[in-house]
Every structure is written in C-alpha cells, then in structure tokens.
Amino acid sequence: WARYKQCLDPTVEDVKKTCQLLRRSAKDERVLFHYNGHGVPRPTVNGEVWVFNKTFTQYIPLSIYDLNMWMGSPSIYMFDCSAAGIIVNTFLQLNEQHESERMSRMGGPASDASAKREVIILAACSAGDTLPMNPDFPADLFTACLTTPIKIALEWFCKHNRLLGGISRDLIKDIPGKINERRSPLGELNWIFTAITDTIAWNVLPRDLFQRLFRQDPLVASLFRNFLLAERIMHMANCTPVTYPALPPAYNHPMWQAWDLAVDMCLSQLPTLISNPNA
C-alpha cells in the first residue's frame, strides 16, 4: 500500500516538512506530489504556486525551485490548477539550469546516478488555459480522471449521449463487481480500458518513452493510462493537459471508438445488469 499524507490549506513550512518526511521514508523510491489549486490564484510567471500563511489570511507564493529541492527524485507531480503549464515550463528551465551547472562542474554527460534524478509532471492544462467549470462534473475534473477514470468516463459518456435516456449517475455507481475482478462487469470494463489505453500509448509514443512510462513503474503506468483519458475529456472541455516528458496528442486516436463502443454496450445493458448481476 502507498503511504500518503494530506495537507489541507498548508503553509510553506507544512509543505516543506511533508515533502522532506516523505522523501526520507521513500528513500530511492518515487514520491508523488499532488497540488489541487482550485480557488487560489493562478501560478505566477516565475512558476510559483500558492499556499497560505499561518493565520489563513493571506496567500503565500511557494517556489517550484524549493519544492523540487524538498521532493528530491525520483518524483512525480500532479498539478490541477488553471495555467498549470506555467509550472511545467518552470521545471524545464530548472532542469536545463541544473544540467548546465552539472556539466560545468563535471565536464561530461549525465552519469547513471544523475539520470535517476528524474522528474515526471502531469498538468491539467497549458499555460494559457483556464480550467472548465461544469456543475455536472467535479471541479477537479483532471484529478478525477487520474484517480477514478472509469467512473468519470462513464459519467462523461452518459452526459454527452442523449440516446442513453434513463441512465443516471446512481445507476452508474451500482455497476456490479470490482475494478480488480476481471469476471465482473466493472472489472471487464477496466480491463478493456487498460488494453485500449496501452494500445494507444504503444501507437503514438516512441518505444523508449513507452517502456519508461508504461512498463517500468506500475504507479506511473496507471497515471499515464488515466492521463490519456484526461487529455481526451479535457480537450472536449477546451483545455490542453500537458506532461513532462511531453507526449504526442492522443485525444483523437481511432482506438477511442472501441472504448466508446464498450461503454455504450455496458450502459445500455446497465438496468439488466443491476437487476440481475449474475446473468
């Protein structure tokens, strides 16, 4: 089981202590940092995000440079806020600066040790985007796609397909089975989702990047499969999620039609599945 710690309305010092604690605990394993920035100002042009002072009366900027130092590596960041692409650009500048400084000291290409100091970033939108506000879906739609992809995919499909009359959110919540039970309707749908997103990634990514993101670390692979869904849904909401390393666009890949067909079949049979789950 992954260890995690919530920081609700944190101060800069709260973030620092939490990141350093998790890095010590994780040692050489990957640490995930999730920033949910709804309701706070957009990141600054210098790549700072916002936290609170100790009395919760003022926003305080948190430097991405400091955050990167506290997190160490390997690490993965999820930024769910408007203009999140600014943060990705800042990380790129930091990496170039660190590599330039290292080259001047070492005078050679990156060593195996420094190569392991990798950073992966998933950002909800580009630098010029504002996140969608849709009362029918969570405010943190990007995070929901990354953490509960099947639920969001079903709700999104249902909302945008008028032929599926009578299928409510309550019905979707009652799909029989569990995600990890392949023989159940929900487990089968999850298996199809995994197969389709893996196929899309294999088609559009360079082989070395596919191996790195989809075959080396189960956490990273799961997040990037879910990111492909997030990219598709956010694009329909006029946002462009971005990543580091950058991925080719995949929101309009033909394999999504196979996913739509699987979802359509599941939802059209849903009343029968719920009334007779063993059928």
C-alpha atoms as a PDB file:
ATOM      1  CA  TRP A   1       0.000   0.000   0.000  1.00  0.00           C
ATOM      2  CA  ALA A   2       1.202   3.510  -0.808  1.00  0.00           C
ATOM      3  CA  ARG A   3       1.706   5.848   2.128  1.00  0.00           C
ATOM      4  CA  TYR A   4       0.201   9.307   1.787  1.00  0.00           C
ATOM      5  CA  LYS A   5      -0.327  12.458   3.805  1.00  0.00           C
ATOM      6  CA  GLN A   6      -2.934  15.164   3.231  1.00  0.00           C
ATOM      7  CA  CYS A   7      -2.022  18.818   3.638  1.00  0.00           C
ATOM      8  CA  LEU A   8      -5.230  20.826   3.714  1.00  0.00           C
ATOM      9  CA  ASP A   9      -4.658  24.577   3.251  1.00  0.00           C
ATOM     10  CA  PRO A  10      -0.935  24.197   4.044  1.00  0.00           C
ATOM     11  CA  THR A  11       1.710  26.794   4.788  1.00  0.00           C
ATOM     12  CA  VAL A  12       5.104  26.796   3.094  1.00  0.00           C
ATOM     13  CA  GLU A  13       6.584  25.153   6.185  1.00  0.00           C
ATOM     14  CA  ASP A  14       3.887  22.445   6.133  1.00  0.00           C
ATOM     15  CA  VAL A  15       4.745  21.592   2.531  1.00  0.00           C
ATOM     16  CA  LYS A  16       8.466  21.563   3.287  1.00  0.00           C
ATOM     17  CA  LYS A  17       8.138  19.229   6.279  1.00  0.00           C
ATOM     18  CA  THR A  18       5.793  16.874   4.441  1.00  0.00           C
ATOM     19  CA  CYS A  19       7.973  16.613   1.337  1.00  0.00           C
ATOM     20  CA  GLN A  20      11.136  16.026   3.353  1.00  0.00           C
ATOM     21  CA  LEU A  21       9.394  13.424   5.521  1.00  0.00           C
ATOM     22  CA  LEU A  22       8.077  11.509   2.517  1.00  0.00           C
ATOM     23  CA  ARG A  23      11.461  11.629   0.769  1.00  0.00           C
ATOM     24  CA  ARG A  24      13.219  10.201   3.831  1.00  0.00           C
ATOM     25  CA  SER A  25      10.591   7.477   4.073  1.00  0.00           C
ATOM     26  CA  ALA A  26      10.656   6.653   0.357  1.00  0.00           C
ATOM     27  CA  LYS A  27      14.471   6.677   0.085  1.00  0.00           C
ATOM     28  CA  ASP A  28      15.160   5.885  -3.581  1.00  0.00           C
ATOM     29  CA  GLU A  29      11.515   5.176  -4.468  1.00  0.00           C
ATOM     30  CA  ARG A  30       9.303   7.606  -6.360  1.00  0.00           C
ATOM     31  CA  VAL A  31       7.341  10.209  -4.397  1.00  0.00           C
ATOM     32  CA  LEU A  32       4.106  11.696  -5.762  1.00  0.00           C
ATOM     33  CA  PHE A  33       3.129  15.323  -5.084  1.00  0.00           C
ATOM     34  CA  HIS A  34      -0.448  16.353  -5.892  1.00  0.00           C
ATOM     35  CA  TYR A  35      -1.352  20.044  -5.917  1.00  0.00           C
ATOM     36  CA  ASN A  36      -5.058  20.878  -6.082  1.00  0.00           C
ATOM     37  CA  GLY A  37      -5.108  24.604  -6.717  1.00  0.00           C
ATOM     38  CA  HIS A  38      -8.809  25.342  -7.109  1.00  0.00           C
ATOM     39  CA  GLY A  39      -9.905  28.591  -5.543  1.00  0.00           C
ATOM     40  CA  VAL A  40      -6.403  30.069  -5.289  1.00  0.00           C
ATOM     41  CA  PRO A  41      -4.629  32.420  -7.738  1.00  0.00           C
ATOM     42  CA  ARG A  42      -3.005  31.094 -10.881  1.00  0.00           C
ATOM     43  CA  PRO A  43       0.714  30.210 -10.783  1.00  0.00           C
ATOM     44  CA  THR A  44       2.974  33.225 -11.189  1.00  0.00           C
ATOM     45  CA  VAL A  45       5.066  33.853 -14.293  1.00  0.00           C
ATOM     46  CA  ASN A  46       8.046  32.756 -12.183  1.00  0.00           C
ATOM     47  CA  GLY A  47       6.445  29.355 -11.656  1.00  0.00           C
ATOM     48  CA  GLU A  48       5.297  29.823  -8.075  1.00  0.00           C
ATOM     49  CA  VAL A  49       2.130  28.203  -6.719  1.00  0.00           C
ATOM     50  CA  TRP A  50       0.112  29.489  -3.801  1.00  0.00           C
ATOM     51  CA  VAL A  51      -0.310  28.276  -0.222  1.00  0.00           C
ATOM     52  CA  PHE A  52      -1.400  30.059   2.967  1.00  0.00           C
ATOM     53  CA  ASN A  53       0.141  31.949   5.835  1.00  0.00           C
ATOM     54  CA  LYS A  54      -0.249  30.558   9.350  1.00  0.00           C
ATOM     55  CA  THR A  55      -3.411  32.541  10.057  1.00  0.00           C
ATOM     56  CA  PHE A  56      -5.067  31.706   6.701  1.00  0.00           C
ATOM     57  CA  THR A  57      -5.476  35.398   5.921  1.00  0.00           C
ATOM     58  CA  GLN A  58      -3.075  35.695   3.003  1.00  0.00           C
ATOM     59  CA  TYR A  59      -1.796  33.713   0.038  1.00  0.00           C
ATOM     60  CA  ILE A  60       1.938  33.000   0.086  1.00  0.00           C
ATOM     61  CA  PRO A  61       3.927  32.000  -3.035  1.00  0.00           C
ATOM     62  CA  LEU A  62       5.674  28.624  -2.958  1.00  0.00           C
ATOM     63  CA  SER A  63       8.730  28.413  -5.196  1.00  0.00           C
ATOM     64  CA  ILE A  64       8.860  25.444  -7.551  1.00  0.00           C
ATOM     65  CA  TYR A  65      12.636  25.535  -7.129  1.00  0.00           C
ATOM     66  CA  ASP A  66      12.244  24.977  -3.370  1.00  0.00           C
ATOM     67  CA  LEU A  67       9.592  22.308  -3.902  1.00  0.00           C
ATOM     68  CA  ASN A  68      11.882  20.436  -6.274  1.00  0.00           C
ATOM     69  CA  MET A  69      14.709  20.543  -3.725  1.00  0.00           C
ATOM     70  CA  TRP A  70      12.492  19.210  -0.914  1.00  0.00           C
ATOM     71  CA  MET A  71      10.986  16.454  -3.051  1.00  0.00           C
ATOM     72  CA  GLY A  72      14.238  15.146  -4.444  1.00  0.00           C
ATOM     73  CA  SER A  73      13.974  12.401  -7.016  1.00  0.00           C
ATOM     74  CA  PRO A  74      12.670  10.277  -8.492  1.00  0.00           C
ATOM     75  CA  SER A  75       9.374  12.092  -8.175  1.00  0.00           C
ATOM     76  CA  ILE A  76       6.103  12.663  -9.986  1.00  0.00           C
ATOM     77  CA  TYR A  77       3.972  15.808  -9.761  1.00  0.00           C
ATOM     78  CA  MET A  78       0.273  16.322 -10.473  1.00  0.00           C
ATOM     79  CA  PHE A  79      -0.796  19.967 -10.807  1.00  0.00           C
ATOM     80  CA  ASP A  80      -4.556  20.518 -11.036  1.00  0.00           C
ATOM     81  CA  CYS A  81      -4.982  24.269 -11.425  1.00  0.00           C
ATOM     82  CA  SER A  82      -5.530  26.850 -14.140  1.00  0.00           C
ATOM     83  CA  ALA A  83      -2.418  27.767 -16.169  1.00  0.00           C
ATOM     84  CA  ALA A  84      -0.664  24.650 -14.845  1.00  0.00           C
ATOM     85  CA  GLY A  85       1.536  24.627 -17.945  1.00  0.00           C
ATOM     86  CA  ILE A  86       3.485  27.534 -16.434  1.00  0.00           C
ATOM     87  CA  ILE A  87       4.784  25.112 -13.798  1.00  0.00           C
ATOM     88  CA  VAL A  88       5.912  22.640 -16.454  1.00  0.00           C
ATOM     89  CA  ASN A  89       7.819  25.415 -18.220  1.00  0.00           C
ATOM     90  CA  THR A  90       9.488  26.337 -14.942  1.00  0.00           C
ATOM     91  CA  PHE A  91      10.588  22.746 -14.364  1.00  0.00           C
ATOM     92  CA  LEU A  92      12.085  22.642 -17.847  1.00  0.00           C
ATOM     93  CA  GLN A  93      14.081  25.778 -17.111  1.00  0.00           C
ATOM     94  CA  LEU A  94      15.242  24.340 -13.780  1.00  0.00           C
ATOM     95  CA  ASN A  95      16.358  21.102 -15.401  1.00  0.00           C
ATOM     96  CA  GLU A  96      18.312  22.987 -18.060  1.00  0.00           C
ATOM     97  CA  GLN A  97      19.917  25.115 -15.358  1.00  0.00           C
ATOM     98  CA  HIS A  98      20.832  22.094 -13.214  1.00  0.00           C
ATOM     99  CA  GLU A  99      22.276  20.218 -16.197  1.00  0.00           C
ATOM    100  CA  SER A 100      24.305  23.263 -17.252  1.00  0.00           C
ATOM    101  CA  GLU A 101      25.692  23.641 -13.729  1.00  0.00           C
ATOM    102  CA  ARG A 102      26.464  19.940 -13.514  1.00  0.00           C
ATOM    103  CA  MET A 103      28.213  19.968 -16.882  1.00  0.00           C
ATOM    104  CA  SER A 104      30.372  22.900 -15.814  1.00  0.00           C
ATOM    105  CA  ARG A 105      31.396  21.015 -12.663  1.00  0.00           C
ATOM    106  CA  MET A 106      31.741  17.512 -14.092  1.00  0.00           C
ATOM    107  CA  GLY A 107      32.611  18.249 -17.695  1.00  0.00           C
ATOM    108  CA  GLY A 108      30.784  15.248 -19.157  1.00  0.00           C
ATOM    109  CA  PRO A 109      27.444  13.616 -19.955  1.00  0.00           C
ATOM    110  CA  ALA A 110      24.991  12.685 -17.228  1.00  0.00           C
ATOM    111  CA  SER A 111      26.037   9.727 -15.088  1.00  0.00           C
ATOM    112  CA  ASP A 112      23.724   6.844 -14.218  1.00  0.00           C
ATOM    113  CA  ALA A 113      23.249   8.378 -10.767  1.00  0.00           C
ATOM    114  CA  SER A 114      22.186  11.762 -12.103  1.00  0.00           C
ATOM    115  CA  ALA A 115      19.988  10.127 -14.749  1.00  0.00           C
ATOM    116  CA  LYS A 116      17.960   8.588 -11.925  1.00  0.00           C
ATOM    117  CA  ARG A 117      17.094  12.065 -10.661  1.00  0.00           C
ATOM    118  CA  GLU A 118      14.132  12.143 -12.985  1.00  0.00           C
ATOM    119  CA  VAL A 119      11.017  14.238 -12.691  1.00  0.00           C
ATOM    120  CA  ILE A 120       7.634  13.433 -14.226  1.00  0.00           C
ATOM    121  CA  ILE A 121       4.862  16.045 -14.365  1.00  0.00           C
ATOM    122  CA  LEU A 122       1.158  15.804 -15.177  1.00  0.00           C
ATOM    123  CA  ALA A 123      -0.513  19.201 -15.548  1.00  0.00           C
ATOM    124  CA  ALA A 124      -4.221  19.843 -16.029  1.00  0.00           C
ATOM    125  CA  CYS A 125      -3.848  22.434 -18.783  1.00  0.00           C
ATOM    126  CA  SER A 126      -1.455  24.601 -20.744  1.00  0.00           C
ATOM    127  CA  ALA A 127      -0.039  27.921 -19.578  1.00  0.00           C
ATOM    128  CA  GLY A 128      -2.848  29.939 -21.139  1.00  0.00           C
ATOM    129  CA  ASP A 129      -5.803  27.750 -20.155  1.00  0.00           C
ATOM    130  CA  THR A 130      -8.461  28.240 -17.501  1.00  0.00           C
ATOM    131  CA  LEU A 131      -9.988  25.068 -16.091  1.00  0.00           C
ATOM    132  CA  PRO A 132     -13.626  24.352 -17.022  1.00  0.00           C
ATOM    133  CA  MET A 133     -16.419  24.974 -14.557  1.00  0.00           C
ATOM    134  CA  ASN A 134     -19.172  22.450 -15.186  1.00  0.00           C
ATOM    135  CA  PRO A 135     -21.784  21.854 -12.464  1.00  0.00           C
ATOM    136  CA  ASP A 136     -22.326  18.304 -13.750  1.00  0.00           C
ATOM    137  CA  PHE A 137     -18.731  17.260 -13.023  1.00  0.00           C
ATOM    138  CA  PRO A 138     -16.153  17.716 -10.248  1.00  0.00           C
ATOM    139  CA  ALA A 139     -14.261  20.997 -10.152  1.00  0.00           C
ATOM    140  CA  ASP A 140     -11.077  18.919 -10.127  1.00  0.00           C
ATOM    141  CA  LEU A 141     -12.042  17.075 -13.307  1.00  0.00           C
ATOM    142  CA  PHE A 142      -8.400  16.404 -14.199  1.00  0.00           C
ATOM    143  CA  THR A 143      -7.712  14.778 -10.825  1.00  0.00           C
ATOM    144  CA  ALA A 144     -10.914  12.749 -11.100  1.00  0.00           C
ATOM    145  CA  CYS A 145      -9.772  11.388 -14.471  1.00  0.00           C
ATOM    146  CA  LEU A 146      -6.420  10.382 -12.991  1.00  0.00           C
ATOM    147  CA  THR A 147      -7.841   8.745  -9.861  1.00  0.00           C
ATOM    148  CA  THR A 148     -11.289   7.391 -10.854  1.00  0.00           C
ATOM    149  CA  PRO A 149     -11.083   7.082 -14.654  1.00  0.00           C
ATOM    150  CA  ILE A 150     -13.850   4.525 -15.199  1.00  0.00           C
ATOM    151  CA  LYS A 151     -16.379   6.484 -13.143  1.00  0.00           C
ATOM    152  CA  ILE A 152     -15.635   9.767 -14.926  1.00  0.00           C
ATOM    153  CA  ALA A 153     -15.531   8.130 -18.360  1.00  0.00           C
ATOM    154  CA  LEU A 154     -18.974   6.594 -17.824  1.00  0.00           C
ATOM    155  CA  GLU A 155     -20.494   9.811 -16.484  1.00  0.00           C
ATOM    156  CA  TRP A 156     -18.988  11.872 -19.307  1.00  0.00           C
ATOM    157  CA  PHE A 157     -20.222   9.446 -21.966  1.00  0.00           C
ATOM    158  CA  CYS A 158     -23.675   9.336 -20.424  1.00  0.00           C
ATOM    159  CA  LYS A 159     -23.900  13.136 -20.269  1.00  0.00           C
ATOM    160  CA  HIS A 160     -22.893  13.571 -23.919  1.00  0.00           C
ATOM    161  CA  ASN A 161     -25.013  10.801 -25.450  1.00  0.00           C
ATOM    162  CA  ARG A 162     -28.707  11.636 -25.435  1.00  0.00           C
ATOM    163  CA  LEU A 163     -29.699   8.215 -26.756  1.00  0.00           C
ATOM    164  CA  LEU A 164     -28.863   6.756 -23.325  1.00  0.00           C
ATOM    165  CA  GLY A 165     -32.014   8.017 -21.696  1.00  0.00           C
ATOM    166  CA  GLY A 166     -32.763   6.857 -18.183  1.00  0.00           C
ATOM    167  CA  ILE A 167     -29.143   6.117 -17.213  1.00  0.00           C
ATOM    168  CA  SER A 168     -28.437   8.188 -14.114  1.00  0.00           C
ATOM    169  CA  ARG A 169     -25.323   8.677 -12.003  1.00  0.00           C
ATOM    170  CA  ASP A 170     -26.898   6.494  -9.318  1.00  0.00           C
ATOM    171  CA  LEU A 171     -27.171   3.645 -11.816  1.00  0.00           C
ATOM    172  CA  ILE A 172     -23.535   4.085 -12.862  1.00  0.00           C
ATOM    173  CA  LYS A 173     -22.450   3.819  -9.222  1.00  0.00           C
ATOM    174  CA  ASP A 174     -24.251   0.473  -8.988  1.00  0.00           C
ATOM    175  CA  ILE A 175     -22.417  -1.339 -11.806  1.00  0.00           C
ATOM    176  CA  PRO A 176     -21.811  -4.850 -10.384  1.00  0.00           C
ATOM    177  CA  GLY A 177     -18.325  -6.038  -9.475  1.00  0.00           C
ATOM    178  CA  LYS A 178     -14.987  -4.545  -8.546  1.00  0.00           C
ATOM    179  CA  ILE A 179     -12.242  -2.925 -10.599  1.00  0.00           C
ATOM    180  CA  ASN A 180      -9.840  -5.805  -9.934  1.00  0.00           C
ATOM    181  CA  GLU A 181     -12.387  -8.577 -10.651  1.00  0.00           C
ATOM    182  CA  ARG A 182     -11.992  -9.342 -14.355  1.00  0.00           C
ATOM    183  CA  ARG A 183     -15.089 -11.573 -14.467  1.00  0.00           C
ATOM    184  CA  SER A 184     -17.381  -8.808 -13.204  1.00  0.00           C
ATOM    185  CA  PRO A 185     -18.900  -6.113 -15.467  1.00  0.00           C
ATOM    186  CA  LEU A 186     -16.890  -3.345 -13.776  1.00  0.00           C
ATOM    187  CA  GLY A 187     -13.692  -5.381 -13.858  1.00  0.00           C
ATOM    188  CA  GLU A 188     -14.201  -6.235 -17.525  1.00  0.00           C
ATOM    189  CA  LEU A 189     -14.680  -2.570 -18.361  1.00  0.00           C
ATOM    190  CA  ASN A 190     -11.486  -1.699 -16.506  1.00  0.00           C
ATOM    191  CA  TRP A 191      -9.599  -4.437 -18.364  1.00  0.00           C
ATOM    192  CA  ILE A 192     -10.833  -3.050 -21.706  1.00  0.00           C
ATOM    193  CA  PHE A 193      -9.800   0.473 -20.670  1.00  0.00           C
ATOM    194  CA  THR A 194      -6.298  -0.737 -19.776  1.00  0.00           C
ATOM    195  CA  ALA A 195      -5.934  -2.611 -23.076  1.00  0.00           C
ATOM    196  CA  ILE A 196      -7.137   0.330 -25.164  1.00  0.00           C
ATOM    197  CA  THR A 197      -5.015   2.985 -23.453  1.00  0.00           C
ATOM    198  CA  ASP A 198      -1.947   0.730 -23.617  1.00  0.00           C
ATOM    199  CA  THR A 199      -2.575   0.251 -27.334  1.00  0.00           C
ATOM    200  CA  ILE A 200      -2.920   3.990 -27.901  1.00  0.00           C
ATOM    201  CA  ALA A 201       0.314   4.645 -25.996  1.00  0.00           C
ATOM    202  CA  TRP A 202       2.129   1.938 -27.982  1.00  0.00           C
ATOM    203  CA  ASN A 203       0.918   3.517 -31.235  1.00  0.00           C
ATOM    204  CA  VAL A 204       1.814   7.151 -30.535  1.00  0.00           C
ATOM    205  CA  LEU A 205       4.862   7.072 -28.240  1.00  0.00           C
ATOM    206  CA  PRO A 206       8.499   6.441 -29.177  1.00  0.00           C
ATOM    207  CA  ARG A 207       9.474   2.961 -27.971  1.00  0.00           C
ATOM    208  CA  ASP A 208      11.926   4.132 -25.299  1.00  0.00           C
ATOM    209  CA  LEU A 209       9.357   6.553 -23.845  1.00  0.00           C
ATOM    210  CA  PHE A 210       6.653   3.874 -23.895  1.00  0.00           C
ATOM    211  CA  GLN A 211       8.917   1.492 -21.971  1.00  0.00           C
ATOM    212  CA  ARG A 212       9.806   4.183 -19.452  1.00  0.00           C
ATOM    213  CA  LEU A 213       6.266   5.408 -18.774  1.00  0.00           C
ATOM    214  CA  PHE A 214       4.136   2.296 -19.279  1.00  0.00           C
ATOM    215  CA  ARG A 215       6.336  -0.672 -18.358  1.00  0.00           C
ATOM    216  CA  GLN A 216       8.799   0.224 -15.598  1.00  0.00           C
ATOM    217  CA  ASP A 217       6.669   1.547 -12.711  1.00  0.00           C
ATOM    218  CA  PRO A 218       3.044   0.427 -12.070  1.00  0.00           C
ATOM    219  CA  LEU A 219       2.130   3.785 -10.486  1.00  0.00           C
ATOM    220  CA  VAL A 220       3.495   5.785 -13.412  1.00  0.00           C
ATOM    221  CA  ALA A 221       1.874   3.442 -15.938  1.00  0.00           C
ATOM    222  CA  SER A 222      -1.527   3.720 -14.256  1.00  0.00           C
ATOM    223  CA  LEU A 223      -1.364   7.518 -14.091  1.00  0.00           C
ATOM    224  CA  PHE A 224      -0.347   7.851 -17.728  1.00  0.00           C
ATOM    225  CA  ARG A 225      -3.088   5.493 -18.914  1.00  0.00           C
ATOM    226  CA  ASN A 226      -5.537   7.642 -16.990  1.00  0.00           C
ATOM    227  CA  PHE A 227      -3.878  10.779 -18.372  1.00  0.00           C
ATOM    228  CA  LEU A 228      -4.791   9.684 -21.894  1.00  0.00           C
ATOM    229  CA  LEU A 229      -8.435   9.727 -20.814  1.00  0.00           C
ATOM    230  CA  ALA A 230      -7.938  13.083 -19.071  1.00  0.00           C
ATOM    231  CA  GLU A 231      -6.446  14.533 -22.244  1.00  0.00           C
ATOM    232  CA  ARG A 232      -9.469  13.403 -24.241  1.00  0.00           C
ATOM    233  CA  ILE A 233     -12.063  14.701 -21.790  1.00  0.00           C
ATOM    234  CA  MET A 234     -10.236  17.962 -21.009  1.00  0.00           C
ATOM    235  CA  HIS A 235      -9.797  18.612 -24.735  1.00  0.00           C
ATOM    236  CA  MET A 236     -13.578  18.376 -25.166  1.00  0.00           C
ATOM    237  CA  ALA A 237     -13.777  20.947 -22.350  1.00  0.00           C
ATOM    238  CA  ASN A 238     -11.396  23.271 -24.277  1.00  0.00           C
ATOM    239  CA  CYS A 239      -8.310  22.550 -22.176  1.00  0.00           C
ATOM    240  CA  THR A 240      -4.994  21.005 -23.182  1.00  0.00           C
ATOM    241  CA  PRO A 241      -3.303  18.930 -20.445  1.00  0.00           C
ATOM    242  CA  VAL A 242       0.486  18.802 -20.699  1.00  0.00           C
ATOM    243  CA  THR A 243       3.159  16.480 -19.387  1.00  0.00           C
ATOM    244  CA  TYR A 244       6.870  16.278 -18.846  1.00  0.00           C
ATOM    245  CA  PRO A 245       8.175  14.378 -20.676  1.00  0.00           C
ATOM    246  CA  ALA A 246       5.881  15.617 -23.438  1.00  0.00           C
ATOM    247  CA  LEU A 247       3.507  13.170 -25.131  1.00  0.00           C
ATOM    248  CA  PRO A 248       2.170  13.366 -28.688  1.00  0.00           C
ATOM    249  CA  PRO A 249      -1.559  14.227 -28.845  1.00  0.00           C
ATOM    250  CA  ALA A 250      -3.728  11.117 -28.495  1.00  0.00           C
ATOM    251  CA  TYR A 251      -7.210  12.524 -27.757  1.00  0.00           C
ATOM    252  CA  ASN A 252      -8.451  11.735 -31.284  1.00  0.00           C
ATOM    253  CA  HIS A 253      -6.832   8.312 -31.707  1.00  0.00           C
ATOM    254  CA  PRO A 254      -9.126   5.847 -33.570  1.00  0.00           C
ATOM    255  CA  MET A 255      -8.919   3.336 -30.697  1.00  0.00           C
ATOM    256  CA  TRP A 256     -11.125   5.638 -28.604  1.00  0.00           C
ATOM    257  CA  GLN A 257     -14.006   4.481 -30.807  1.00  0.00           C
ATOM    258  CA  ALA A 258     -13.516   0.969 -29.402  1.00  0.00           C
ATOM    259  CA  TRP A 259     -13.745   2.402 -25.889  1.00  0.00           C
ATOM    260  CA  ASP A 260     -16.922   4.311 -26.746  1.00  0.00           C
ATOM    261  CA  LEU A 261     -18.443   1.101 -28.092  1.00  0.00           C
ATOM    262  CA  ALA A 262     -17.558  -0.815 -24.906  1.00  0.00           C
ATOM    263  CA  VAL A 263     -19.036   1.934 -22.720  1.00  0.00           C
ATOM    264  CA  ASP A 264     -22.161   2.132 -24.875  1.00  0.00           C
ATOM    265  CA  MET A 265     -22.709  -1.619 -24.589  1.00  0.00           C
ATOM    266  CA  CYS A 266     -22.175  -1.537 -20.821  1.00  0.00           C
ATOM    267  CA  LEU A 267     -24.519   1.381 -20.188  1.00  0.00           C
ATOM    268  CA  SER A 268     -27.250   0.080 -22.492  1.00  0.00           C
ATOM    269  CA  GLN A 269     -27.283  -3.172 -20.515  1.00  0.00           C
ATOM    270  CA  LEU A 270     -26.942  -1.493 -17.146  1.00  0.00           C
ATOM    271  CA  PRO A 271     -30.554  -1.784 -15.898  1.00  0.00           C
ATOM    272  CA  THR A 272     -30.476  -5.526 -16.625  1.00  0.00           C
ATOM    273  CA  LEU A 273     -27.023  -5.954 -15.048  1.00  0.00           C
ATOM    274  CA  ILE A 274     -28.155  -4.243 -11.841  1.00  0.00           C
ATOM    275  CA  SER A 275     -31.399  -6.172 -11.552  1.00  0.00           C
ATOM    276  CA  ASN A 276     -29.656  -9.482 -12.272  1.00  0.00           C
ATOM    277  CA  PRO A 277     -25.886  -9.170 -11.650  1.00  0.00           C
ATOM    278  CA  ASN A 278     -25.311 -12.929 -12.126  1.00  0.00           C
ATOM    279  CA  ALA A 279     -26.891 -13.021 -15.552  1.00  0.00           C
END
